[in-house]
Amino acid sequence: MNKVLIECDTLIDEYELSRENIIKQLKTIKIEKDQDFVIAYDKDFRCTLVGEMSKNNNSIVLTNIIKADDFREMDNSDLFQFIREQGD
Protein backbone atom coordinates (compact mmCIF):
# COMPACT_ATOMS: atom_id res chain seq x y z
CA MET A 1 0.00 0.00 0.00
CA ASN A 2 1.31 3.41 -0.96
CA LYS A 3 1.37 5.86 1.98
CA VAL A 4 0.79 9.49 1.07
CA LEU A 5 0.98 12.76 2.99
CA ILE A 6 -1.07 15.43 1.28
CA GLU A 7 -3.05 18.52 2.25
CA CYS A 8 -0.80 19.02 5.31
CA ASP A 9 2.63 19.99 4.02
CA THR A 10 2.49 23.53 5.46
CA LEU A 11 1.26 22.22 8.85
CA ILE A 12 4.00 19.58 8.97
CA ASP A 13 6.58 22.30 8.35
CA GLU A 14 4.93 24.78 10.71
CA TYR A 15 4.86 22.31 13.62
CA GLU A 16 8.31 20.96 12.69
CA LEU A 17 7.12 17.35 12.51
CA SER A 18 9.06 14.60 10.80
CA ARG A 19 7.53 13.24 7.61
CA GLU A 20 9.50 10.02 8.07
CA ASN A 21 8.10 9.51 11.59
CA ILE A 22 4.56 10.16 10.38
CA ILE A 23 4.95 7.63 7.57
CA LYS A 24 6.39 5.02 9.98
CA GLN A 25 3.48 5.58 12.37
CA LEU A 26 0.89 5.35 9.60
CA LYS A 27 2.41 2.07 8.45
CA THR A 28 1.88 0.54 11.89
CA ILE A 29 -1.84 1.29 12.22
CA LYS A 30 -4.59 -0.68 10.52
CA ILE A 31 -7.06 1.47 8.63
CA GLU A 32 -9.99 -0.03 6.75
CA LYS A 33 -10.96 1.26 3.31
CA ASP A 34 -13.08 4.46 3.39
CA GLN A 35 -12.33 4.89 7.12
CA ASP A 36 -11.34 8.16 8.79
CA PHE A 37 -8.80 8.14 11.61
CA VAL A 38 -7.51 10.35 14.42
CA ILE A 39 -4.25 9.43 16.17
CA ALA A 40 -1.74 11.18 18.41
CA TYR A 41 1.59 11.92 16.79
CA ASP A 42 3.90 9.57 18.66
CA LYS A 43 6.96 11.86 18.85
CA ASP A 44 5.01 14.85 20.19
CA PHE A 45 1.76 13.92 21.91
CA ARG A 46 0.68 17.55 21.71
CA CYS A 47 -0.28 16.98 18.07
CA THR A 48 -3.14 14.96 16.64
CA LEU A 49 -3.08 13.63 13.08
CA VAL A 50 -6.37 13.44 11.20
CA GLY A 51 -6.78 11.56 7.95
CA GLU A 52 -8.67 9.15 5.82
CA MET A 53 -8.12 6.21 3.52
CA SER A 54 -8.19 7.36 -0.09
CA LYS A 55 -11.08 5.83 -2.00
CA ASN A 56 -9.33 5.40 -5.32
CA ASN A 57 -5.79 4.14 -4.71
CA ASN A 58 -5.65 2.58 -1.23
CA SER A 59 -3.38 5.30 0.12
CA ILE A 60 -3.65 7.23 3.36
CA VAL A 61 -4.43 10.93 3.08
CA LEU A 62 -3.37 13.10 6.02
CA THR A 63 -5.96 15.89 6.02
CA ASN A 64 -5.24 17.88 9.19
CA ILE A 65 -2.91 18.30 12.15
CA ILE A 66 -4.38 19.67 15.35
CA LYS A 67 -1.97 21.24 17.82
CA ALA A 68 -3.05 21.28 21.46
CA ASP A 69 -4.24 24.74 22.54
CA ASP A 70 -3.33 24.18 26.16
CA PHE A 71 -0.61 21.95 27.49
CA ARG A 72 0.62 21.65 31.05
CA GLU A 73 3.32 19.33 32.25
CA MET A 74 2.29 17.51 35.43
CA ASP A 75 3.94 15.15 37.81
CA ASN A 76 1.89 12.44 39.54
CA SER A 77 0.79 14.68 42.41
CA ASP A 78 -0.38 17.38 39.96
CA LEU A 79 -2.25 14.76 37.96
CA PHE A 80 -3.95 13.40 41.08
CA GLN A 81 -5.08 16.91 42.06
CA PHE A 82 -6.30 17.60 38.50
CA ILE A 83 -8.39 14.39 38.46
CA ARG A 84 -9.81 15.19 41.90
CA GLU A 85 -10.85 18.69 40.70
CA GLN A 86 -12.57 17.19 37.64
CA GLY A 87 -14.72 15.04 39.94
CA ASP A 88 -16.01 18.04 41.93
C-alpha atoms as a PDB file:
ATOM      1  CA  MET A   1       0.000   0.000   0.000  1.00  0.00           C
ATOM      2  CA  ASN A   2       1.308   3.413  -0.957  1.00  0.00           C
ATOM      3  CA  LYS A   3       1.368   5.860   1.984  1.00  0.00           C
ATOM      4  CA  VAL A   4       0.792   9.485   1.066  1.00  0.00           C
ATOM      5  CA  LEU A   5       0.976  12.757   2.991  1.00  0.00           C
ATOM      6  CA  ILE A   6      -1.074  15.433   1.278  1.00  0.00           C
ATOM      7  CA  GLU A   7      -3.054  18.516   2.250  1.00  0.00           C
ATOM      8  CA  CYS A   8      -0.798  19.022   5.312  1.00  0.00           C
ATOM      9  CA  ASP A   9       2.626  19.995   4.016  1.00  0.00           C
ATOM     10  CA  THR A  10       2.486  23.526   5.458  1.00  0.00           C
ATOM     11  CA  LEU A  11       1.260  22.222   8.845  1.00  0.00           C
ATOM     12  CA  ILE A  12       4.002  19.576   8.969  1.00  0.00           C
ATOM     13  CA  ASP A  13       6.580  22.303   8.348  1.00  0.00           C
ATOM     14  CA  GLU A  14       4.928  24.782  10.714  1.00  0.00           C
ATOM     15  CA  TYR A  15       4.857  22.313  13.625  1.00  0.00           C
ATOM     16  CA  GLU A  16       8.313  20.964  12.691  1.00  0.00           C
ATOM     17  CA  LEU A  17       7.125  17.350  12.514  1.00  0.00           C
ATOM     18  CA  SER A  18       9.063  14.599  10.796  1.00  0.00           C
ATOM     19  CA  ARG A  19       7.531  13.236   7.606  1.00  0.00           C
ATOM     20  CA  GLU A  20       9.505  10.020   8.072  1.00  0.00           C
ATOM     21  CA  ASN A  21       8.105   9.512  11.589  1.00  0.00           C
ATOM     22  CA  ILE A  22       4.564  10.163  10.378  1.00  0.00           C
ATOM     23  CA  ILE A  23       4.954   7.631   7.569  1.00  0.00           C
ATOM     24  CA  LYS A  24       6.390   5.023   9.980  1.00  0.00           C
ATOM     25  CA  GLN A  25       3.481   5.585  12.369  1.00  0.00           C
ATOM     26  CA  LEU A  26       0.885   5.353   9.604  1.00  0.00           C
ATOM     27  CA  LYS A  27       2.412   2.067   8.449  1.00  0.00           C
ATOM     28  CA  THR A  28       1.876   0.542  11.894  1.00  0.00           C
ATOM     29  CA  ILE A  29      -1.843   1.288  12.218  1.00  0.00           C
ATOM     30  CA  LYS A  30      -4.591  -0.680  10.523  1.00  0.00           C
ATOM     31  CA  ILE A  31      -7.062   1.469   8.628  1.00  0.00           C
ATOM     32  CA  GLU A  32      -9.990  -0.026   6.750  1.00  0.00           C
ATOM     33  CA  LYS A  33     -10.956   1.262   3.312  1.00  0.00           C
ATOM     34  CA  ASP A  34     -13.081   4.455   3.393  1.00  0.00           C
ATOM     35  CA  GLN A  35     -12.328   4.887   7.116  1.00  0.00           C
ATOM     36  CA  ASP A  36     -11.338   8.163   8.789  1.00  0.00           C
ATOM     37  CA  PHE A  37      -8.800   8.140  11.607  1.00  0.00           C
ATOM     38  CA  VAL A  38      -7.512  10.346  14.417  1.00  0.00           C
ATOM     39  CA  ILE A  39      -4.250   9.433  16.168  1.00  0.00           C
ATOM     40  CA  ALA A  40      -1.745  11.183  18.406  1.00  0.00           C
ATOM     41  CA  TYR A  41       1.592  11.925  16.794  1.00  0.00           C
ATOM     42  CA  ASP A  42       3.903   9.573  18.656  1.00  0.00           C
ATOM     43  CA  LYS A  43       6.958  11.864  18.847  1.00  0.00           C
ATOM     44  CA  ASP A  44       5.007  14.850  20.190  1.00  0.00           C
ATOM     45  CA  PHE A  45       1.759  13.916  21.913  1.00  0.00           C
ATOM     46  CA  ARG A  46       0.677  17.554  21.713  1.00  0.00           C
ATOM     47  CA  CYS A  47      -0.280  16.979  18.068  1.00  0.00           C
ATOM     48  CA  THR A  48      -3.140  14.957  16.640  1.00  0.00           C
ATOM     49  CA  LEU A  49      -3.078  13.628  13.082  1.00  0.00           C
ATOM     50  CA  VAL A  50      -6.373  13.443  11.205  1.00  0.00           C
ATOM     51  CA  GLY A  51      -6.778  11.560   7.954  1.00  0.00           C
ATOM     52  CA  GLU A  52      -8.666   9.153   5.817  1.00  0.00           C
ATOM     53  CA  MET A  53      -8.118   6.213   3.521  1.00  0.00           C
ATOM     54  CA  SER A  54      -8.185   7.361  -0.091  1.00  0.00           C
ATOM     55  CA  LYS A  55     -11.077   5.830  -2.000  1.00  0.00           C
ATOM     56  CA  ASN A  56      -9.326   5.405  -5.324  1.00  0.00           C
ATOM     57  CA  ASN A  57      -5.793   4.141  -4.714  1.00  0.00           C
ATOM     58  CA  ASN A  58      -5.648   2.580  -1.225  1.00  0.00           C
ATOM     59  CA  SER A  59      -3.375   5.296   0.124  1.00  0.00           C
ATOM     60  CA  ILE A  60      -3.648   7.228   3.363  1.00  0.00           C
ATOM     61  CA  VAL A  61      -4.433  10.931   3.083  1.00  0.00           C
ATOM     62  CA  LEU A  62      -3.373  13.098   6.015  1.00  0.00           C
ATOM     63  CA  THR A  63      -5.961  15.889   6.023  1.00  0.00           C
ATOM     64  CA  ASN A  64      -5.238  17.876   9.188  1.00  0.00           C
ATOM     65  CA  ILE A  65      -2.914  18.296  12.153  1.00  0.00           C
ATOM     66  CA  ILE A  66      -4.377  19.671  15.354  1.00  0.00           C
ATOM     67  CA  LYS A  67      -1.971  21.244  17.819  1.00  0.00           C
ATOM     68  CA  ALA A  68      -3.052  21.281  21.460  1.00  0.00           C
ATOM     69  CA  ASP A  69      -4.237  24.738  22.538  1.00  0.00           C
ATOM     70  CA  ASP A  70      -3.333  24.181  26.156  1.00  0.00           C
ATOM     71  CA  PHE A  71      -0.611  21.947  27.486  1.00  0.00           C
ATOM     72  CA  ARG A  72       0.617  21.654  31.051  1.00  0.00           C
ATOM     73  CA  GLU A  73       3.323  19.330  32.254  1.00  0.00           C
ATOM     74  CA  MET A  74       2.292  17.512  35.426  1.00  0.00           C
ATOM     75  CA  ASP A  75       3.936  15.146  37.806  1.00  0.00           C
ATOM     76  CA  ASN A  76       1.892  12.443  39.536  1.00  0.00           C
ATOM     77  CA  SER A  77       0.786  14.680  42.406  1.00  0.00           C
ATOM     78  CA  ASP A  78      -0.383  17.378  39.962  1.00  0.00           C
ATOM     79  CA  LEU A  79      -2.252  14.759  37.959  1.00  0.00           C
ATOM     80  CA  PHE A  80      -3.952  13.396  41.078  1.00  0.00           C
ATOM     81  CA  GLN A  81      -5.084  16.908  42.056  1.00  0.00           C
ATOM     82  CA  PHE A  82      -6.300  17.602  38.501  1.00  0.00           C
ATOM     83  CA  ILE A  83      -8.387  14.392  38.464  1.00  0.00           C
ATOM     84  CA  ARG A  84      -9.809  15.193  41.902  1.00  0.00           C
ATOM     85  CA  GLU A  85     -10.847  18.688  40.701  1.00  0.00           C
ATOM     86  CA  GLN A  86     -12.569  17.190  37.644  1.00  0.00           C
ATOM     87  CA  GLY A  87     -14.722  15.043  39.938  1.00  0.00           C
ATOM     88  CA  ASP A  88     -16.011  18.042  41.925  1.00  0.00           C
END
